[in-house]
PDB file of all heavy atoms in Angstrom:
ATOM      1  N   ASN A   1      69.151 -16.948 -10.486  1.00  0.00           N
ATOM      2  CA  ASN A   1      69.279 -15.815 -11.375  1.00  0.00           C
ATOM      3  C   ASN A   1      69.317 -14.512 -10.568  1.00  0.00           C
ATOM      4  O   ASN A   1      68.736 -13.502 -10.968  1.00  0.00           O
ATOM      5  CB  ASN A   1      68.117 -15.787 -12.352  1.00  0.00           C
ATOM      6  CG  ASN A   1      68.280 -16.774 -13.492  1.00  0.00           C
ATOM      7  OD1 ASN A   1      69.378 -16.931 -14.003  1.00  0.00           O
ATOM      8  ND2 ASN A   1      67.203 -17.419 -13.886  1.00  0.00           N
ATOM      9  N   MET A   2      70.004 -14.547  -9.446  1.00  0.00           N
ATOM     10  CA  MET A   2      70.144 -13.373  -8.601  1.00  0.00           C
ATOM     11  C   MET A   2      71.155 -12.418  -9.207  1.00  0.00           C
ATOM     12  O   MET A   2      71.989 -12.817 -10.041  1.00  0.00           O
ATOM     13  CB  MET A   2      70.576 -13.800  -7.191  1.00  0.00           C
ATOM     14  CG  MET A   2      69.634 -14.797  -6.529  1.00  0.00           C
ATOM     15  SD  MET A   2      70.341 -15.572  -5.045  1.00  0.00           S
ATOM     16  CE  MET A   2      70.165 -14.235  -3.862  1.00  0.00           C
ATOM     17  N   LYS A   3      71.124 -11.150  -8.786  1.00  0.00           N
ATOM     18  CA  LYS A   3      72.083 -10.150  -9.259  1.00  0.00           C
ATOM     19  C   LYS A   3      72.675  -9.404  -8.081  1.00  0.00           C
ATOM     20  O   LYS A   3      71.971  -9.030  -7.144  1.00  0.00           O
ATOM     21  CB  LYS A   3      71.390  -9.162 -10.206  1.00  0.00           C
ATOM     22  CG  LYS A   3      71.027  -9.747 -11.558  1.00  0.00           C
ATOM     23  CD  LYS A   3      70.547  -8.663 -12.509  1.00  0.00           C
ATOM     24  CE  LYS A   3      70.284  -9.246 -13.897  1.00  0.00           C
ATOM     25  NZ  LYS A   3      69.859  -8.201 -14.875  1.00  0.00           N
ATOM     26  N   GLY A   4      73.982  -9.167  -8.157  1.00  0.00           N
ATOM     27  CA  GLY A   4      74.674  -8.488  -7.066  1.00  0.00           C
ATOM     28  C   GLY A   4      74.176  -7.074  -6.876  1.00  0.00           C
ATOM     29  O   GLY A   4      73.987  -6.615  -5.728  1.00  0.00           O
ATOM     30  N   THR A   5      73.949  -6.353  -7.954  1.00  0.00           N
ATOM     31  CA  THR A   5      73.490  -4.957  -7.839  1.00  0.00           C
ATOM     32  C   THR A   5      72.098  -4.908  -7.219  1.00  0.00           C
ATOM     33  O   THR A   5      71.773  -3.976  -6.471  1.00  0.00           O
ATOM     34  CB  THR A   5      73.477  -4.289  -9.225  1.00  0.00           C
ATOM     35  OG1 THR A   5      72.757  -5.142 -10.152  1.00  0.00           O
ATOM     36  CG2 THR A   5      74.889  -4.086  -9.742  1.00  0.00           C
ATOM     37  N   ASP A   6      71.287  -5.913  -7.494  1.00  0.00           N
ATOM     38  CA  ASP A   6      69.945  -5.990  -6.906  1.00  0.00           C
ATOM     39  C   ASP A   6      70.040  -6.237  -5.397  1.00  0.00           C
ATOM     40  O   ASP A   6      69.282  -5.658  -4.608  1.00  0.00           O
ATOM     41  CB  ASP A   6      69.150  -7.097  -7.586  1.00  0.00           C
ATOM     42  CG  ASP A   6      67.709  -7.160  -7.127  1.00  0.00           C
ATOM     43  OD1 ASP A   6      67.052  -6.101  -7.077  1.00  0.00           O
ATOM     44  OD2 ASP A   6      67.231  -8.266  -6.800  1.00  0.00           O
ATOM     45  N   ILE A   7      70.980  -7.116  -4.988  1.00  0.00           N
ATOM     46  CA  ILE A   7      71.163  -7.388  -3.567  1.00  0.00           C
ATOM     47  C   ILE A   7      71.591  -6.122  -2.835  1.00  0.00           C
ATOM     48  O   ILE A   7      71.119  -5.843  -1.718  1.00  0.00           O
ATOM     49  CB  ILE A   7      72.217  -8.498  -3.381  1.00  0.00           C
ATOM     50  CG1 ILE A   7      71.638  -9.834  -3.869  1.00  0.00           C
ATOM     51  CG2 ILE A   7      72.650  -8.611  -1.927  1.00  0.00           C
ATOM     52  CD1 ILE A   7      72.645 -10.965  -3.895  1.00  0.00           C
ATOM     53  N   VAL A   8      72.461  -5.346  -3.440  1.00  0.00           N
ATOM     54  CA  VAL A   8      72.929  -4.104  -2.816  1.00  0.00           C
ATOM     55  C   VAL A   8      71.755  -3.135  -2.631  1.00  0.00           C
ATOM     56  O   VAL A   8      71.636  -2.486  -1.568  1.00  0.00           O
ATOM     57  CB  VAL A   8      74.035  -3.454  -3.667  1.00  0.00           C
ATOM     58  CG1 VAL A   8      74.379  -2.063  -3.157  1.00  0.00           C
ATOM     59  CG2 VAL A   8      75.282  -4.337  -3.648  1.00  0.00           C
ATOM     60  N   LYS A   9      70.881  -3.037  -3.609  1.00  0.00           N
ATOM     61  CA  LYS A   9      69.705  -2.164  -3.491  1.00  0.00           C
ATOM     62  C   LYS A   9      68.793  -2.635  -2.358  1.00  0.00           C
ATOM     63  O   LYS A   9      68.253  -1.829  -1.598  1.00  0.00           O
ATOM     64  CB  LYS A   9      68.946  -2.132  -4.817  1.00  0.00           C
ATOM     65  CG  LYS A   9      69.653  -1.410  -5.941  1.00  0.00           C
ATOM     66  CD  LYS A   9      68.849  -1.482  -7.234  1.00  0.00           C
ATOM     67  CE  LYS A   9      69.587  -0.802  -8.380  1.00  0.00           C
ATOM     68  NZ  LYS A   9      68.825  -0.935  -9.660  1.00  0.00           N
ATOM     69  N   LYS A  10      68.613  -3.936  -2.254  1.00  0.00           N
ATOM     70  CA  LYS A  10      67.760  -4.497  -1.203  1.00  0.00           C
ATOM     71  C   LYS A  10      68.379  -4.298   0.178  1.00  0.00           C
ATOM     72  O   LYS A  10      67.661  -4.058   1.171  1.00  0.00           O
ATOM     73  CB  LYS A  10      67.504  -5.968  -1.462  1.00  0.00           C
ATOM     74  CG  LYS A  10      66.611  -6.220  -2.671  1.00  0.00           C
ATOM     75  CD  LYS A  10      66.505  -7.684  -3.023  1.00  0.00           C
ATOM     76  CE  LYS A  10      65.570  -7.890  -4.229  1.00  0.00           C
ATOM     77  NZ  LYS A  10      65.504  -9.291  -4.673  1.00  0.00           N
ATOM     78  N   LEU A  11      69.699  -4.366   0.256  1.00  0.00           N
ATOM     79  CA  LEU A  11      70.380  -4.094   1.521  1.00  0.00           C
ATOM     80  C   LEU A  11      70.140  -2.657   1.943  1.00  0.00           C
ATOM     81  O   LEU A  11      69.840  -2.372   3.121  1.00  0.00           O
ATOM     82  CB  LEU A  11      71.871  -4.372   1.389  1.00  0.00           C
ATOM     83  CG  LEU A  11      72.757  -3.957   2.565  1.00  0.00           C
ATOM     84  CD1 LEU A  11      72.353  -4.689   3.835  1.00  0.00           C
ATOM     85  CD2 LEU A  11      74.228  -4.201   2.241  1.00  0.00           C
ATOM     86  N   ARG A  12      70.282  -1.723   0.993  1.00  0.00           N
ATOM     87  CA  ARG A  12      70.065  -0.310   1.309  1.00  0.00           C
ATOM     88  C   ARG A  12      68.628  -0.079   1.800  1.00  0.00           C
ATOM     89  O   ARG A  12      68.397   0.643   2.784  1.00  0.00           O
ATOM     90  CB  ARG A  12      70.321   0.532   0.068  1.00  0.00           C
ATOM     91  CG  ARG A  12      70.107   2.036   0.199  1.00  0.00           C
ATOM     92  CD  ARG A  12      71.185   2.718   1.046  1.00  0.00           C
ATOM     93  NE  ARG A  12      70.845   2.788   2.455  1.00  0.00           N
ATOM     94  CZ  ARG A  12      71.697   3.161   3.396  1.00  0.00           C
ATOM     95  NH1 ARG A  12      72.948   3.474   3.063  1.00  0.00           N
ATOM     96  NH2 ARG A  12      71.324   3.217   4.648  1.00  0.00           N
ATOM     97  N   ALA A  13      67.681  -0.722   1.133  1.00  0.00           N
ATOM     98  CA  ALA A  13      66.277  -0.547   1.518  1.00  0.00           C
ATOM     99  C   ALA A  13      66.022  -1.121   2.910  1.00  0.00           C
ATOM    100  O   ALA A  13      65.260  -0.545   3.698  1.00  0.00           O
ATOM    101  CB  ALA A  13      65.376  -1.237   0.500  1.00  0.00           C
ATOM    102  N   GLN A  14      66.664  -2.246   3.235  1.00  0.00           N
ATOM    103  CA  GLN A  14      66.474  -2.856   4.553  1.00  0.00           C
ATOM    104  C   GLN A  14      67.089  -2.003   5.647  1.00  0.00           C
ATOM    105  O   GLN A  14      66.504  -1.858   6.735  1.00  0.00           O
ATOM    106  CB  GLN A  14      67.083  -4.260   4.570  1.00  0.00           C
ATOM    107  CG  GLN A  14      66.705  -5.078   5.791  1.00  0.00           C
ATOM    108  CD  GLN A  14      65.223  -5.428   5.778  1.00  0.00           C
ATOM    109  OE1 GLN A  14      64.707  -5.924   4.774  1.00  0.00           O
ATOM    110  NE2 GLN A  14      64.525  -5.171   6.886  1.00  0.00           N
ATOM    111  N   LEU A  15      68.251  -1.444   5.388  1.00  0.00           N
ATOM    112  CA  LEU A  15      68.863  -0.534   6.364  1.00  0.00           C
ATOM    113  C   LEU A  15      67.935   0.640   6.665  1.00  0.00           C
ATOM    114  O   LEU A  15      67.740   1.020   7.823  1.00  0.00           O
ATOM    115  CB  LEU A  15      70.221  -0.035   5.832  1.00  0.00           C
ATOM    116  CG  LEU A  15      71.357  -1.037   5.822  1.00  0.00           C
ATOM    117  CD1 LEU A  15      72.544  -0.485   5.029  1.00  0.00           C
ATOM    118  CD2 LEU A  15      71.807  -1.375   7.241  1.00  0.00           C
ATOM    119  N   ASP A  16      67.383   1.217   5.596  1.00  0.00           N
ATOM    120  CA  ASP A  16      66.476   2.351   5.777  1.00  0.00           C
ATOM    121  C   ASP A  16      65.232   1.937   6.553  1.00  0.00           C
ATOM    122  O   ASP A  16      64.778   2.639   7.461  1.00  0.00           O
ATOM    123  CB  ASP A  16      66.076   2.925   4.413  1.00  0.00           C
ATOM    124  CG  ASP A  16      67.249   3.534   3.654  1.00  0.00           C
ATOM    125  OD1 ASP A  16      68.324   3.690   4.267  1.00  0.00           O
ATOM    126  OD2 ASP A  16      67.090   3.828   2.455  1.00  0.00           O
ATOM    127  N   LYS A  17      64.696   0.769   6.221  1.00  0.00           N
ATOM    128  CA  LYS A  17      63.477   0.273   6.890  1.00  0.00           C
ATOM    129  C   LYS A  17      63.739   0.012   8.372  1.00  0.00           C
ATOM    130  O   LYS A  17      62.863   0.275   9.223  1.00  0.00           O
ATOM    131  CB  LYS A  17      63.011  -1.009   6.207  1.00  0.00           C
ATOM    132  CG  LYS A  17      61.790  -1.657   6.833  1.00  0.00           C
ATOM    133  CD  LYS A  17      61.402  -2.934   6.118  1.00  0.00           C
ATOM    134  CE  LYS A  17      60.229  -3.622   6.803  1.00  0.00           C
ATOM    135  NZ  LYS A  17      59.851  -4.891   6.096  1.00  0.00           N
ATOM    136  N   ASN A  18      64.944  -0.477   8.685  1.00  0.00           N
ATOM    137  CA  ASN A  18      65.271  -0.798  10.086  1.00  0.00           C
ATOM    138  C   ASN A  18      65.667   0.419  10.894  1.00  0.00           C
ATOM    139  O   ASN A  18      65.989   0.313  12.081  1.00  0.00           O
ATOM    140  CB  ASN A  18      66.406  -1.819  10.129  1.00  0.00           C
ATOM    141  CG  ASN A  18      65.995  -3.183   9.595  1.00  0.00           C
ATOM    142  OD1 ASN A  18      64.841  -3.403   9.257  1.00  0.00           O
ATOM    143  ND2 ASN A  18      66.939  -4.099   9.513  1.00  0.00           N
ATOM    144  N   GLY A  19      65.673   1.596  10.274  1.00  0.00           N
ATOM    145  CA  GLY A  19      65.984   2.829  10.997  1.00  0.00           C
ATOM    146  C   GLY A  19      67.430   3.238  10.942  1.00  0.00           C
ATOM    147  O   GLY A  19      67.894   4.006  11.795  1.00  0.00           O
ATOM    148  N   TYR A  20      68.148   2.762   9.934  1.00  0.00           N
ATOM    149  CA  TYR A  20      69.582   3.064   9.815  1.00  0.00           C
ATOM    150  C   TYR A  20      69.906   3.778   8.507  1.00  0.00           C
ATOM    151  O   TYR A  20      70.827   3.420   7.787  1.00  0.00           O
ATOM    152  CB  TYR A  20      70.404   1.773   9.932  1.00  0.00           C
ATOM    153  CG  TYR A  20      70.214   1.069  11.254  1.00  0.00           C
ATOM    154  CD1 TYR A  20      69.411  -0.059  11.366  1.00  0.00           C
ATOM    155  CD2 TYR A  20      70.843   1.555  12.403  1.00  0.00           C
ATOM    156  CE1 TYR A  20      69.236  -0.702  12.571  1.00  0.00           C
ATOM    157  CE2 TYR A  20      70.678   0.918  13.627  1.00  0.00           C
ATOM    158  CZ  TYR A  20      69.861  -0.212  13.704  1.00  0.00           C
ATOM    159  OH  TYR A  20      69.694  -0.833  14.910  1.00  0.00           O
ATOM    160  N   LYS A  21      69.146   4.818   8.214  1.00  0.00           N
ATOM    161  CA  LYS A  21      69.386   5.579   6.991  1.00  0.00           C
ATOM    162  C   LYS A  21      70.752   6.272   7.009  1.00  0.00           C
ATOM    163  O   LYS A  21      71.295   6.583   5.952  1.00  0.00           O
ATOM    164  CB  LYS A  21      68.278   6.621   6.806  1.00  0.00           C
ATOM    165  CG  LYS A  21      66.919   6.036   6.481  1.00  0.00           C
ATOM    166  CD  LYS A  21      65.886   7.136   6.209  1.00  0.00           C
ATOM    167  CE  LYS A  21      64.539   6.536   5.838  1.00  0.00           C
ATOM    168  NZ  LYS A  21      63.525   7.591   5.547  1.00  0.00           N
ATOM    169  N   ASP A  22      71.268   6.509   8.203  1.00  0.00           N
ATOM    170  CA  ASP A  22      72.555   7.196   8.311  1.00  0.00           C
ATOM    171  C   ASP A  22      73.742   6.292   8.016  1.00  0.00           C
ATOM    172  O   ASP A  22      74.856   6.773   7.761  1.00  0.00           O
ATOM    173  CB  ASP A  22      72.733   7.754   9.726  1.00  0.00           C
ATOM    174  CG  ASP A  22      72.630   6.654  10.783  1.00  0.00           C
ATOM    175  OD1 ASP A  22      71.500   6.228  11.075  1.00  0.00           O
ATOM    176  OD2 ASP A  22      73.683   6.197  11.290  1.00  0.00           O
ATOM    177  N   VAL A  23      73.566   4.974   8.033  1.00  0.00           N
ATOM    178  CA  VAL A  23      74.675   4.044   7.784  1.00  0.00           C
ATOM    179  C   VAL A  23      75.115   4.178   6.328  1.00  0.00           C
ATOM    180  O   VAL A  23      74.298   4.087   5.402  1.00  0.00           O
ATOM    181  CB  VAL A  23      74.260   2.594   8.105  1.00  0.00           C
ATOM    182  CG1 VAL A  23      75.337   1.618   7.653  1.00  0.00           C
ATOM    183  CG2 VAL A  23      74.011   2.451   9.591  1.00  0.00           C
ATOM    184  N   GLU A  24      76.391   4.405   6.156  1.00  0.00           N
ATOM    185  CA  GLU A  24      76.925   4.606   4.813  1.00  0.00           C
ATOM    186  C   GLU A  24      77.325   3.266   4.192  1.00  0.00           C
ATOM    187  O   GLU A  24      77.870   2.395   4.879  1.00  0.00           O
ATOM    188  CB  GLU A  24      78.156   5.523   4.876  1.00  0.00           C
ATOM    189  CG  GLU A  24      77.824   6.901   5.434  1.00  0.00           C
ATOM    190  CD  GLU A  24      79.068   7.681   5.854  1.00  0.00           C
ATOM    191  OE1 GLU A  24      80.175   7.217   5.553  1.00  0.00           O
ATOM    192  OE2 GLU A  24      78.904   8.739   6.494  1.00  0.00           O
ATOM    193  N   MET A  25      77.053   3.117   2.907  1.00  0.00           N
ATOM    194  CA  MET A  25      77.347   1.873   2.211  1.00  0.00           C
ATOM    195  C   MET A  25      78.236   2.175   0.994  1.00  0.00           C
ATOM    196  O   MET A  25      77.956   3.095   0.226  1.00  0.00           O
ATOM    197  CB  MET A  25      76.061   1.178   1.771  1.00  0.00           C
ATOM    198  CG  MET A  25      76.281  -0.143   1.054  1.00  0.00           C
ATOM    199  SD  MET A  25      74.714  -1.027   0.777  1.00  0.00           S
ATOM    200  CE  MET A  25      73.884   0.124  -0.331  1.00  0.00           C
ATOM    201  N   LYS A  26      79.296   1.367   0.824  1.00  0.00           N
ATOM    202  CA  LYS A  26      80.197   1.523  -0.301  1.00  0.00           C
ATOM    203  C   LYS A  26      80.303   0.187  -1.037  1.00  0.00           C
ATOM    204  O   LYS A  26      80.608  -0.843  -0.440  1.00  0.00           O
ATOM    205  CB  LYS A  26      81.592   1.959   0.171  1.00  0.00           C
ATOM    206  CG  LYS A  26      82.605   2.117  -0.970  1.00  0.00           C
ATOM    207  CD  LYS A  26      83.967   2.528  -0.419  1.00  0.00           C
ATOM    208  CE  LYS A  26      84.976   2.662  -1.567  1.00  0.00           C
ATOM    209  NZ  LYS A  26      86.334   3.045  -1.055  1.00  0.00           N
ATOM    210  N   LEU A  27      80.066   0.208  -2.337  1.00  0.00           N
ATOM    211  CA  LEU A  27      80.206  -0.990  -3.167  1.00  0.00           C
ATOM    212  C   LEU A  27      81.687  -1.157  -3.543  1.00  0.00           C
ATOM    213  O   LEU A  27      82.270  -0.282  -4.175  1.00  0.00           O
ATOM    214  CB  LEU A  27      79.353  -0.872  -4.429  1.00  0.00           C
ATOM    215  CG  LEU A  27      79.499  -1.986  -5.471  1.00  0.00           C
ATOM    216  CD1 LEU A  27      79.079  -3.337  -4.879  1.00  0.00           C
ATOM    217  CD2 LEU A  27      78.664  -1.665  -6.721  1.00  0.00           C
ATOM    218  N   ILE A  28      82.282  -2.274  -3.142  1.00  0.00           N
ATOM    219  CA  ILE A  28      83.691  -2.554  -3.435  1.00  0.00           C
ATOM    220  C   ILE A  28      83.863  -3.248  -4.776  1.00  0.00           C
ATOM    221  O   ILE A  28      84.814  -2.990  -5.523  1.00  0.00           O
ATOM    222  CB  ILE A  28      84.306  -3.424  -2.321  1.00  0.00           C
ATOM    223  CG1 ILE A  28      84.135  -2.748  -0.953  1.00  0.00           C
ATOM    224  CG2 ILE A  28      85.775  -3.717  -2.596  1.00  0.00           C
ATOM    225  CD1 ILE A  28      84.799  -1.399  -0.860  1.00  0.00           C
ATOM    226  N   GLY A  29      82.947  -4.128  -5.104  1.00  0.00           N
ATOM    227  CA  GLY A  29      83.015  -4.842  -6.378  1.00  0.00           C
ATOM    228  C   GLY A  29      81.973  -5.921  -6.455  1.00  0.00           C
ATOM    229  O   GLY A  29      81.372  -6.323  -5.450  1.00  0.00           O
ATOM    230  N   ASP A  30      81.746  -6.393  -7.684  1.00  0.00           N
ATOM    231  CA  ASP A  30      80.735  -7.425  -7.926  1.00  0.00           C
ATOM    232  C   ASP A  30      81.264  -8.412  -8.970  1.00  0.00           C
ATOM    233  O   ASP A  30      81.745  -7.988 -10.035  1.00  0.00           O
ATOM    234  CB  ASP A  30      79.436  -6.802  -8.416  1.00  0.00           C
ATOM    235  CG  ASP A  30      78.339  -7.817  -8.668  1.00  0.00           C
ATOM    236  OD1 ASP A  30      78.321  -8.848  -7.976  1.00  0.00           O
ATOM    237  OD2 ASP A  30      77.500  -7.568  -9.576  1.00  0.00           O
ATOM    238  N   VAL A  31      81.231  -9.704  -8.663  1.00  0.00           N
ATOM    239  CA  VAL A  31      81.606 -10.746  -9.603  1.00  0.00           C
ATOM    240  C   VAL A  31      80.362 -11.601  -9.851  1.00  0.00           C
ATOM    241  O   VAL A  31      79.977 -12.395  -9.001  1.00  0.00           O
ATOM    242  CB  VAL A  31      82.745 -11.632  -9.058  1.00  0.00           C
ATOM    243  CG1 VAL A  31      83.065 -12.768 -10.008  1.00  0.00           C
ATOM    244  CG2 VAL A  31      83.997 -10.786  -8.797  1.00  0.00           C
TER     245      VAL A  31
END
């Protein structure tokens, strides 16, 4: 029961935690 939008949020949080707040993320689509 995973959700794509939830995964994207967790990816953003992990990038920030790992010291990569400057990395830009763009959502292309979710199925």
